[in-house]
């Protein structure tokens, strides 16, 4: 009996996940459709996981910034981000 060769994955898990997201994103023609069907559910999942672990999820920025923190640190981190953007706007 011949043995089957085991197939090794062609890339790491993060690379595969990125490829899957890109493929799914390409299926949506409008920003609204992309947001409603992919981005919002993904963010909801992140929020659920964070809440279960006692973290808060903060998203802010011109491109994107994700910050996972405890509830105690969330306000201070938000203040730092806002201060940064205020100072950047003044330049």
Protein backbone atom coordinates (compact mmCIF):
# COMPACT_ATOMS: atom_id res chain seq x y z
CA UNK A 1 0.00 0.00 0.00
CA UNK A 2 1.41 3.36 -1.01
CA UNK A 3 1.63 6.11 1.54
CA UNK A 4 0.15 9.48 0.75
CA UNK A 5 2.49 12.38 0.95
CA UNK A 6 1.41 14.85 3.56
CA UNK A 7 0.77 18.27 2.14
CA UNK A 8 2.32 21.09 4.05
CA UNK A 9 0.43 24.37 4.08
CA UNK A 10 1.88 26.95 1.73
CA UNK A 11 2.09 29.83 4.14
CA UNK A 12 1.56 30.74 7.73
CA UNK A 13 -1.82 31.04 9.37
CA UNK A 14 -1.73 34.88 9.32
CA UNK A 15 -0.89 34.84 5.61
CA UNK A 16 -3.77 32.47 4.90
CA UNK A 17 -6.15 34.60 6.95
CA UNK A 18 -5.04 37.71 5.08
CA UNK A 19 -5.57 35.96 1.75
CA UNK A 20 -9.05 34.88 2.83
CA UNK A 21 -9.97 38.41 3.91
CA UNK A 22 -8.66 39.91 0.69
CA UNK A 23 -10.64 37.41 -1.37
CA UNK A 24 -13.80 38.12 0.61
CA UNK A 25 -13.24 41.88 0.41
CA UNK A 26 -12.89 41.69 -3.35
CA UNK A 27 -16.40 40.21 -3.54
CA UNK A 28 -17.98 43.43 -2.24
CA UNK A 29 -18.36 46.23 -4.74
CA UNK A 30 -19.33 49.07 -2.41
CA UNK A 31 -17.86 50.35 0.84
CA UNK A 32 -21.27 49.97 2.49
CA UNK A 33 -21.54 46.32 1.45
CA UNK A 34 -17.97 45.64 2.58
CA UNK A 35 -18.64 47.31 5.91
CA UNK A 36 -21.98 45.58 6.51
CA UNK A 37 -20.95 42.09 5.47
CA UNK A 38 -17.30 41.81 6.49
CA UNK A 39 -15.83 44.64 8.54
CA UNK A 40 -18.66 45.17 11.05
CA UNK A 41 -19.04 41.44 11.83
CA UNK A 42 -15.25 41.13 12.24
CA UNK A 43 -15.13 44.08 14.64
CA UNK A 44 -18.12 42.66 16.55
CA UNK A 45 -16.21 39.40 16.95
CA UNK A 46 -13.14 41.28 18.20
CA UNK A 47 -15.27 43.20 20.68
CA UNK A 48 -16.82 39.96 21.96
CA UNK A 49 -13.45 38.29 22.46
CA UNK A 50 -12.06 41.40 24.14
CA UNK A 51 -15.06 41.69 26.47
CA UNK A 52 -14.74 38.03 27.46
CA UNK A 53 -11.10 38.67 28.39
CA UNK A 54 -11.74 41.95 30.17
CA UNK A 55 -10.17 44.15 27.50
CA UNK A 56 -11.53 47.12 25.64
CA UNK A 57 -10.98 47.54 21.92
CA UNK A 58 -10.16 51.07 20.75
CA UNK A 59 -9.91 51.84 17.04
CA UNK A 60 -8.76 55.24 15.91
CA UNK A 61 -6.50 56.84 13.36
CA UNK A 62 -6.03 58.01 9.83
CA UNK A 63 -5.13 54.57 8.59
CA UNK A 64 -5.82 52.35 11.57
CA UNK A 65 -4.74 51.81 15.13
CA UNK A 66 -5.95 49.00 17.34
CA UNK A 67 -5.42 49.13 21.06
CA UNK A 68 -6.44 46.37 23.44
CA UNK A 69 -6.39 47.46 27.04
CA UNK A 70 -7.96 46.97 30.42
CA UNK A 71 -10.90 49.18 31.26
CA UNK A 72 -8.69 51.01 33.77
CA UNK A 73 -6.20 52.01 31.05
CA UNK A 74 -8.68 52.73 28.24
CA UNK A 75 -9.36 56.37 29.10
CA UNK A 76 -5.65 57.21 29.47
CA UNK A 77 -4.82 55.54 26.15
CA UNK A 78 -7.69 57.34 24.42
CA UNK A 79 -6.38 60.63 25.85
CA UNK A 80 -2.89 59.94 24.52
CA UNK A 81 -4.20 59.16 21.04
CA UNK A 82 -6.39 62.28 20.99
CA UNK A 83 -3.49 64.42 22.23
CA UNK A 84 -1.28 63.03 19.48
CA UNK A 85 -3.81 63.87 16.77
CA UNK A 86 -4.45 67.34 18.21
CA UNK A 87 -0.71 68.07 18.19
CA UNK A 88 -0.35 66.66 14.68
CA UNK A 89 -3.16 68.92 13.43
CA UNK A 90 -1.35 71.96 14.87
CA UNK A 91 1.85 71.24 12.89
